[in-house]
Amino acid sequence: MTPRIHLGTAQVPGGEELRLYSRGDDFMIVLDRNELMSTRMQGSEIALAEMTIERLGDSAAPHLLIGGYGMGFTLRAALAKLGAKAKLTVAELVPEIIEWAHGPMASVADGCLDDPRVSLRMGDVGEAIRQANAEYDAILLDVDNGPDGLVREGNDGLYTNAGLQAAKRALRPGGVLAIWSAAPDKAFAKRIERAGFTVDEVTVAARTNGKGPRHVIWFARLS
């Protein structure tokens, strides 16, 4: 069996320790014994971008906020779908995640952070949302493990009623709030509706071949 090689460690501000490993051509980011993300499983992160953009329709110059960067699957998929006038702001809390994208995972990143349509904002995506007023056509959240987080207690605020209300204020009319989760959460789905959104809940495969675990994406729009 091909050995797993430890490439780096990152301390999440206010949270847990992450470790980057490689095994052959694959990379994985691990928390304790939990594999948070892997190059073998990127289907649902790609779907997060593609399905959001489908819901935006024919907007010629949309502005998307993506939080966080992760392994860049969502960002690369969005760039492939959007035209030259689009803007993408990426909010990433952990500096090492971006260092890994430019370093050992440069082949995976494939230059996506250097695309002229992309602006990188280091810090909490929640702060970016709270500071915005009708700024984004879509907010794509792939933060922690979804509403039932593992990495950082501070991420929980994104999924509270206050966090959802902040997202409403940050979106332009007709905008989309798209939220990725590793598992279903009926209570959270009801919370989105109570916050004044109409919700489309979609189950997607973790792998691009349709296999592997099933993840959930909520697409929320103002009702």
C-alpha atoms as a PDB file:
ATOM      1  CA  MET A   1       0.000   0.000   0.000  1.00  0.00           C
ATOM      2  CA  THR A   2       1.271   3.467  -0.883  1.00  0.00           C
ATOM      3  CA  PRO A   3       2.298   5.264   2.327  1.00  0.00           C
ATOM      4  CA  ARG A   4       0.640   8.479   3.453  1.00  0.00           C
ATOM      5  CA  ILE A   5       3.108  11.390   3.683  1.00  0.00           C
ATOM      6  CA  HIS A   6       2.628  14.292   6.084  1.00  0.00           C
ATOM      7  CA  LEU A   7       3.195  17.577   4.225  1.00  0.00           C
ATOM      8  CA  GLY A   8       2.097  20.272   6.650  1.00  0.00           C
ATOM      9  CA  THR A   9       0.171  21.298   9.745  1.00  0.00           C
ATOM     10  CA  ALA A  10      -2.092  24.295  10.306  1.00  0.00           C
ATOM     11  CA  GLN A  11      -3.704  25.668  13.454  1.00  0.00           C
ATOM     12  CA  VAL A  12      -7.193  26.966  12.721  1.00  0.00           C
ATOM     13  CA  PRO A  13      -7.626  30.338  14.464  1.00  0.00           C
ATOM     14  CA  GLY A  14      -9.881  29.648  17.426  1.00  0.00           C
ATOM     15  CA  GLY A  15     -10.208  25.993  16.441  1.00  0.00           C
ATOM     16  CA  GLU A  16      -8.545  22.670  15.777  1.00  0.00           C
ATOM     17  CA  GLU A  17      -5.355  21.519  14.062  1.00  0.00           C
ATOM     18  CA  LEU A  18      -5.404  20.484  10.412  1.00  0.00           C
ATOM     19  CA  ARG A  19      -2.857  18.245   8.702  1.00  0.00           C
ATOM     20  CA  LEU A  20      -2.128  17.932   4.990  1.00  0.00           C
ATOM     21  CA  TYR A  21      -1.153  14.516   3.639  1.00  0.00           C
ATOM     22  CA  SER A  22      -0.432  13.046   0.246  1.00  0.00           C
ATOM     23  CA  ARG A  23      -0.749   9.449  -0.901  1.00  0.00           C
ATOM     24  CA  GLY A  24       0.487   8.937  -4.427  1.00  0.00           C
ATOM     25  CA  ASP A  25      -1.229  11.599  -6.538  1.00  0.00           C
ATOM     26  CA  ASP A  26      -3.972  12.237  -3.964  1.00  0.00           C
ATOM     27  CA  PHE A  27      -4.082  14.881  -1.229  1.00  0.00           C
ATOM     28  CA  MET A  28      -6.172  14.954   1.916  1.00  0.00           C
ATOM     29  CA  ILE A  29      -6.711  17.431   4.746  1.00  0.00           C
ATOM     30  CA  VAL A  30      -7.356  15.712   8.063  1.00  0.00           C
ATOM     31  CA  LEU A  31      -8.643  16.767  11.483  1.00  0.00           C
ATOM     32  CA  ASP A  32      -7.758  14.196  14.123  1.00  0.00           C
ATOM     33  CA  ARG A  33      -9.041  11.011  12.412  1.00  0.00           C
ATOM     34  CA  ASN A  34     -11.585  12.774  10.216  1.00  0.00           C
ATOM     35  CA  GLU A  35     -10.735  13.323   6.554  1.00  0.00           C
ATOM     36  CA  LEU A  36     -12.286  16.736   5.933  1.00  0.00           C
ATOM     37  CA  MET A  37     -11.494  16.914   2.239  1.00  0.00           C
ATOM     38  CA  SER A  38      -9.679  14.919  -0.400  1.00  0.00           C
ATOM     39  CA  THR A  39      -8.845  15.146  -4.079  1.00  0.00           C
ATOM     40  CA  ARG A  40     -10.645  11.809  -4.440  1.00  0.00           C
ATOM     41  CA  MET A  41     -13.944  13.386  -3.387  1.00  0.00           C
ATOM     42  CA  GLN A  42     -14.718  16.671  -5.089  1.00  0.00           C
ATOM     43  CA  GLY A  43     -18.061  16.017  -6.781  1.00  0.00           C
ATOM     44  CA  SER A  44     -20.256  17.827  -4.259  1.00  0.00           C
ATOM     45  CA  GLU A  45     -17.922  20.846  -4.090  1.00  0.00           C
ATOM     46  CA  ILE A  46     -18.069  21.126  -7.884  1.00  0.00           C
ATOM     47  CA  ALA A  47     -21.862  20.790  -7.739  1.00  0.00           C
ATOM     48  CA  LEU A  48     -21.987  23.626  -5.214  1.00  0.00           C
ATOM     49  CA  ALA A  49     -20.597  25.985  -7.859  1.00  0.00           C
ATOM     50  CA  GLU A  50     -22.328  24.624 -10.935  1.00  0.00           C
ATOM     51  CA  MET A  51     -25.808  24.368  -9.404  1.00  0.00           C
ATOM     52  CA  THR A  52     -25.554  27.838  -7.879  1.00  0.00           C
ATOM     53  CA  ILE A  53     -24.576  29.396 -11.206  1.00  0.00           C
ATOM     54  CA  GLU A  54     -27.452  27.575 -12.937  1.00  0.00           C
ATOM     55  CA  ARG A  55     -29.815  29.248 -10.460  1.00  0.00           C
ATOM     56  CA  LEU A  56     -28.390  32.684 -11.226  1.00  0.00           C
ATOM     57  CA  GLY A  57     -29.578  32.454 -14.820  1.00  0.00           C
ATOM     58  CA  ASP A  58     -28.132  34.804 -17.421  1.00  0.00           C
ATOM     59  CA  SER A  59     -26.383  37.329 -15.174  1.00  0.00           C
ATOM     60  CA  ALA A  60     -23.474  38.672 -17.261  1.00  0.00           C
ATOM     61  CA  ALA A  61     -21.337  39.967 -14.415  1.00  0.00           C
ATOM     62  CA  PRO A  62     -22.246  38.189 -11.173  1.00  0.00           C
ATOM     63  CA  HIS A  63     -20.284  38.653  -7.961  1.00  0.00           C
ATOM     64  CA  LEU A  64     -19.848  35.460  -5.941  1.00  0.00           C
ATOM     65  CA  LEU A  65     -18.525  35.101  -2.405  1.00  0.00           C
ATOM     66  CA  ILE A  66     -16.966  31.691  -1.744  1.00  0.00           C
ATOM     67  CA  GLY A  67     -16.068  30.653   1.778  1.00  0.00           C
ATOM     68  CA  GLY A  68     -13.703  28.943   2.252  1.00  0.00           C
ATOM     69  CA  TYR A  69     -11.132  27.953  -0.328  1.00  0.00           C
ATOM     70  CA  GLY A  70     -10.558  24.364   0.846  1.00  0.00           C
ATOM     71  CA  MET A  71      -8.862  22.603  -2.060  1.00  0.00           C
ATOM     72  CA  GLY A  72     -10.264  25.027  -4.625  1.00  0.00           C
ATOM     73  CA  PHE A  73     -12.775  22.645  -6.219  1.00  0.00           C
ATOM     74  CA  THR A  74     -15.679  25.097  -5.965  1.00  0.00           C
ATOM     75  CA  LEU A  75     -13.606  28.059  -7.138  1.00  0.00           C
ATOM     76  CA  ARG A  76     -12.242  26.240 -10.193  1.00  0.00           C
ATOM     77  CA  ALA A  77     -15.689  24.970 -11.155  1.00  0.00           C
ATOM     78  CA  ALA A  78     -17.131  28.487 -10.859  1.00  0.00           C
ATOM     79  CA  LEU A  79     -14.353  29.982 -12.972  1.00  0.00           C
ATOM     80  CA  ALA A  80     -14.992  27.380 -15.674  1.00  0.00           C
ATOM     81  CA  LYS A  81     -18.696  28.316 -15.808  1.00  0.00           C
ATOM     82  CA  LEU A  82     -18.486  32.110 -15.559  1.00  0.00           C
ATOM     83  CA  GLY A  83     -17.534  34.709 -18.141  1.00  0.00           C
ATOM     84  CA  ALA A  84     -14.820  37.324 -18.138  1.00  0.00           C
ATOM     85  CA  LYS A  85     -16.920  39.966 -16.343  1.00  0.00           C
ATOM     86  CA  ALA A  86     -17.646  37.831 -13.278  1.00  0.00           C
ATOM     87  CA  LYS A  87     -16.101  38.588  -9.890  1.00  0.00           C
ATOM     88  CA  LEU A  88     -15.277  35.965  -7.297  1.00  0.00           C
ATOM     89  CA  THR A  89     -14.255  36.840  -3.756  1.00  0.00           C
ATOM     90  CA  VAL A  90     -12.728  33.937  -1.821  1.00  0.00           C
ATOM     91  CA  ALA A  91     -12.674  34.185   1.971  1.00  0.00           C
ATOM     92  CA  GLU A  92     -10.245  31.807   3.694  1.00  0.00           C
ATOM     93  CA  LEU A  93      -9.497  31.845   7.414  1.00  0.00           C
ATOM     94  CA  VAL A  94      -6.421  29.593   7.511  1.00  0.00           C
ATOM     95  CA  PRO A  95      -3.251  31.045   5.913  1.00  0.00           C
ATOM     96  CA  GLU A  96      -1.668  27.633   5.470  1.00  0.00           C
ATOM     97  CA  ILE A  97      -4.548  26.519   3.228  1.00  0.00           C
ATOM     98  CA  ILE A  98      -3.491  29.174   0.720  1.00  0.00           C
ATOM     99  CA  GLU A  99       0.200  28.381   1.230  1.00  0.00           C
ATOM    100  CA  TRP A 100      -0.524  24.741   0.409  1.00  0.00           C
ATOM    101  CA  ALA A 101      -2.422  25.812  -2.720  1.00  0.00           C
ATOM    102  CA  HIS A 102       0.659  27.666  -3.945  1.00  0.00           C
ATOM    103  CA  GLY A 103       3.053  24.988  -2.667  1.00  0.00           C
ATOM    104  CA  PRO A 104       2.533  21.195  -2.504  1.00  0.00           C
ATOM    105  CA  MET A 105      -0.959  21.427  -4.023  1.00  0.00           C
ATOM    106  CA  ALA A 106      -0.072  23.820  -6.856  1.00  0.00           C
ATOM    107  CA  SER A 107      -0.942  21.202  -9.460  1.00  0.00           C
ATOM    108  CA  VAL A 108      -4.420  20.862  -7.932  1.00  0.00           C
ATOM    109  CA  ALA A 109      -4.968  24.629  -7.664  1.00  0.00           C
ATOM    110  CA  ASP A 110      -3.983  25.006 -11.324  1.00  0.00           C
ATOM    111  CA  GLY A 111      -3.501  28.748 -10.944  1.00  0.00           C
ATOM    112  CA  CYS A 112      -7.116  29.462  -9.968  1.00  0.00           C
ATOM    113  CA  LEU A 113      -6.149  31.985  -7.277  1.00  0.00           C
ATOM    114  CA  ASP A 114      -4.202  33.972  -9.873  1.00  0.00           C
ATOM    115  CA  ASP A 115      -7.196  34.372 -12.191  1.00  0.00           C
ATOM    116  CA  PRO A 116      -7.890  38.126 -12.639  1.00  0.00           C
ATOM    117  CA  ARG A 117     -11.543  37.554 -11.713  1.00  0.00           C
ATOM    118  CA  VAL A 118     -10.553  36.336  -8.244  1.00  0.00           C
ATOM    119  CA  SER A 119      -9.972  38.394  -5.104  1.00  0.00           C
ATOM    120  CA  LEU A 120      -8.618  36.624  -2.032  1.00  0.00           C
ATOM    121  CA  ARG A 121      -9.779  37.843   1.360  1.00  0.00           C
ATOM    122  CA  MET A 122      -7.943  36.330   4.316  1.00  0.00           C
ATOM    123  CA  GLY A 123     -10.228  36.063   7.321  1.00  0.00           C
ATOM    124  CA  ASP A 124     -13.602  34.857   8.521  1.00  0.00           C
ATOM    125  CA  VAL A 125     -16.224  34.598   5.775  1.00  0.00           C
ATOM    126  CA  GLY A 126     -18.809  35.508   8.398  1.00  0.00           C
ATOM    127  CA  GLU A 127     -17.175  38.906   8.777  1.00  0.00           C
ATOM    128  CA  ALA A 128     -17.204  39.397   4.999  1.00  0.00           C
ATOM    129  CA  ILE A 129     -20.931  38.656   4.998  1.00  0.00           C
ATOM    130  CA  ARG A 130     -21.705  40.954   7.920  1.00  0.00           C
ATOM    131  CA  GLN A 131     -19.841  43.852   6.287  1.00  0.00           C
ATOM    132  CA  ALA A 132     -21.707  43.537   2.975  1.00  0.00           C
ATOM    133  CA  ASN A 133     -24.920  45.219   1.899  1.00  0.00           C
ATOM    134  CA  ALA A 134     -26.552  43.897  -1.302  1.00  0.00           C
ATOM    135  CA  GLU A 135     -23.071  43.148  -2.647  1.00  0.00           C
ATOM    136  CA  TYR A 136     -23.209  39.523  -3.808  1.00  0.00           C
ATOM    137  CA  ASP A 137     -25.314  37.666  -6.343  1.00  0.00           C
ATOM    138  CA  ALA A 138     -24.450  34.425  -4.584  1.00  0.00           C
ATOM    139  CA  ILE A 139     -22.829  33.317  -1.344  1.00  0.00           C
ATOM    140  CA  LEU A 140     -21.403  29.787  -1.413  1.00  0.00           C
ATOM    141  CA  LEU A 141     -20.569  28.369   2.002  1.00  0.00           C
ATOM    142  CA  ASP A 142     -18.450  25.242   2.359  1.00  0.00           C
ATOM    143  CA  VAL A 143     -17.277  25.968   5.872  1.00  0.00           C
ATOM    144  CA  ASP A 144     -16.383  23.334   8.437  1.00  0.00           C
ATOM    145  CA  ASN A 145     -18.609  20.251   8.057  1.00  0.00           C
ATOM    146  CA  GLY A 146     -21.773  22.245   7.506  1.00  0.00           C
ATOM    147  CA  PRO A 147     -24.141  23.285  10.323  1.00  0.00           C
ATOM    148  CA  ASP A 148     -22.834  20.447  12.494  1.00  0.00           C
ATOM    149  CA  GLY A 149     -19.251  21.716  12.608  1.00  0.00           C
ATOM    150  CA  LEU A 150     -16.027  20.061  13.702  1.00  0.00           C
ATOM    151  CA  VAL A 151     -13.227  22.515  13.053  1.00  0.00           C
ATOM    152  CA  ARG A 152     -14.081  25.771  14.824  1.00  0.00           C
ATOM    153  CA  GLU A 153     -16.848  26.762  17.206  1.00  0.00           C
ATOM    154  CA  GLY A 154     -16.930  30.263  15.709  1.00  0.00           C
ATOM    155  CA  ASN A 155     -18.206  28.809  12.424  1.00  0.00           C
ATOM    156  CA  ASP A 156     -21.522  27.965  14.077  1.00  0.00           C
ATOM    157  CA  GLY A 157     -22.614  31.601  13.820  1.00  0.00           C
ATOM    158  CA  LEU A 158     -22.963  31.279  10.052  1.00  0.00           C
ATOM    159  CA  TYR A 159     -25.871  28.891  10.539  1.00  0.00           C
ATOM    160  CA  THR A 160     -27.810  30.748  13.245  1.00  0.00           C
ATOM    161  CA  ASN A 161     -30.785  32.974  12.470  1.00  0.00           C
ATOM    162  CA  ALA A 162     -28.504  36.009  12.897  1.00  0.00           C
ATOM    163  CA  GLY A 163     -26.054  34.519  10.398  1.00  0.00           C
ATOM    164  CA  LEU A 164     -28.824  33.826   7.901  1.00  0.00           C
ATOM    165  CA  GLN A 165     -30.201  37.350   8.291  1.00  0.00           C
ATOM    166  CA  ALA A 166     -26.724  38.744   7.614  1.00  0.00           C
ATOM    167  CA  ALA A 167     -26.557  36.658   4.444  1.00  0.00           C
ATOM    168  CA  LYS A 168     -29.926  38.080   3.344  1.00  0.00           C
ATOM    169  CA  ARG A 169     -28.587  41.618   3.733  1.00  0.00           C
ATOM    170  CA  ALA A 170     -25.396  40.751   1.837  1.00  0.00           C
ATOM    171  CA  LEU A 171     -27.269  39.367  -1.184  1.00  0.00           C
ATOM    172  CA  ARG A 172     -28.577  41.359  -4.120  1.00  0.00           C
ATOM    173  CA  PRO A 173     -32.237  40.902  -5.140  1.00  0.00           C
ATOM    174  CA  GLY A 174     -32.689  37.425  -6.577  1.00  0.00           C
ATOM    175  CA  GLY A 175     -29.435  36.256  -5.006  1.00  0.00           C
ATOM    176  CA  VAL A 176     -28.662  32.707  -3.904  1.00  0.00           C
ATOM    177  CA  LEU A 177     -27.313  31.476  -0.580  1.00  0.00           C
ATOM    178  CA  ALA A 178     -25.839  27.999  -1.189  1.00  0.00           C
ATOM    179  CA  ILE A 179     -24.734  25.944   1.806  1.00  0.00           C
ATOM    180  CA  TRP A 180     -22.797  22.658   1.649  1.00  0.00           C
ATOM    181  CA  SER A 181     -23.122  20.035   4.375  1.00  0.00           C
ATOM    182  CA  ALA A 182     -21.655  16.609   4.951  1.00  0.00           C
ATOM    183  CA  ALA A 183     -25.037  15.351   6.179  1.00  0.00           C
ATOM    184  CA  PRO A 184     -28.739  16.241   6.221  1.00  0.00           C
ATOM    185  CA  ASP A 185     -30.013  18.527   8.981  1.00  0.00           C
ATOM    186  CA  LYS A 186     -33.816  18.871   9.148  1.00  0.00           C
ATOM    187  CA  ALA A 187     -33.674  21.439  11.933  1.00  0.00           C
ATOM    188  CA  PHE A 188     -31.342  23.663   9.930  1.00  0.00           C
ATOM    189  CA  ALA A 189     -33.469  23.373   6.787  1.00  0.00           C
ATOM    190  CA  LYS A 190     -36.460  24.631   8.801  1.00  0.00           C
ATOM    191  CA  ARG A 191     -34.315  27.447  10.219  1.00  0.00           C
ATOM    192  CA  ILE A 192     -33.534  28.643   6.679  1.00  0.00           C
ATOM    193  CA  GLU A 193     -37.252  28.769   5.879  1.00  0.00           C
ATOM    194  CA  ARG A 194     -38.038  30.627   9.109  1.00  0.00           C
ATOM    195  CA  ALA A 195     -35.376  33.172   8.143  1.00  0.00           C
ATOM    196  CA  GLY A 196     -37.458  34.085   5.091  1.00  0.00           C
ATOM    197  CA  PHE A 197     -35.904  31.963   2.353  1.00  0.00           C
ATOM    198  CA  THR A 198     -37.415  29.430   0.007  1.00  0.00           C
ATOM    199  CA  VAL A 199     -35.206  26.361   0.092  1.00  0.00           C
ATOM    200  CA  ASP A 200     -34.233  23.753  -2.463  1.00  0.00           C
ATOM    201  CA  GLU A 201     -32.426  20.842  -0.772  1.00  0.00           C
ATOM    202  CA  VAL A 202     -30.318  18.701  -3.103  1.00  0.00           C
ATOM    203  CA  THR A 203     -28.420  15.508  -2.333  1.00  0.00           C
ATOM    204  CA  VAL A 204     -25.232  15.035  -4.362  1.00  0.00           C
ATOM    205  CA  ALA A 205     -22.518  12.409  -4.571  1.00  0.00           C
ATOM    206  CA  ALA A 206     -19.120  13.088  -3.045  1.00  0.00           C
ATOM    207  CA  ARG A 207     -17.300  11.709  -6.094  1.00  0.00           C
ATOM    208  CA  THR A 208     -17.509  12.983  -9.662  1.00  0.00           C
ATOM    209  CA  ASN A 209     -18.425   9.450 -10.829  1.00  0.00           C
ATOM    210  CA  GLY A 210     -21.603   9.537  -8.723  1.00  0.00           C
ATOM    211  CA  LYS A 211     -20.255   7.158  -6.092  1.00  0.00           C
ATOM    212  CA  GLY A 212     -19.150   7.599  -2.510  1.00  0.00           C
ATOM    213  CA  PRO A 213     -20.972   9.273   0.390  1.00  0.00           C
ATOM    214  CA  ARG A 214     -23.915  11.596  -0.198  1.00  0.00           C
ATOM    215  CA  HIS A 215     -23.664  15.247   0.764  1.00  0.00           C
ATOM    216  CA  VAL A 216     -26.343  17.921   0.997  1.00  0.00           C
ATOM    217  CA  ILE A 217     -26.547  21.406  -0.554  1.00  0.00           C
ATOM    218  CA  TRP A 218     -29.250  23.904   0.399  1.00  0.00           C
ATOM    219  CA  PHE A 219     -30.024  26.590  -2.178  1.00  0.00           C
ATOM    220  CA  ALA A 220     -31.878  29.427  -0.469  1.00  0.00           C
ATOM    221  CA  ARG A 221     -33.547  32.463  -2.071  1.00  0.00           C
ATOM    222  CA  LEU A 222     -35.698  35.197  -0.587  1.00  0.00           C
ATOM    223  CA  SER A 223     -39.322  34.084  -0.464  1.00  0.00           C
END
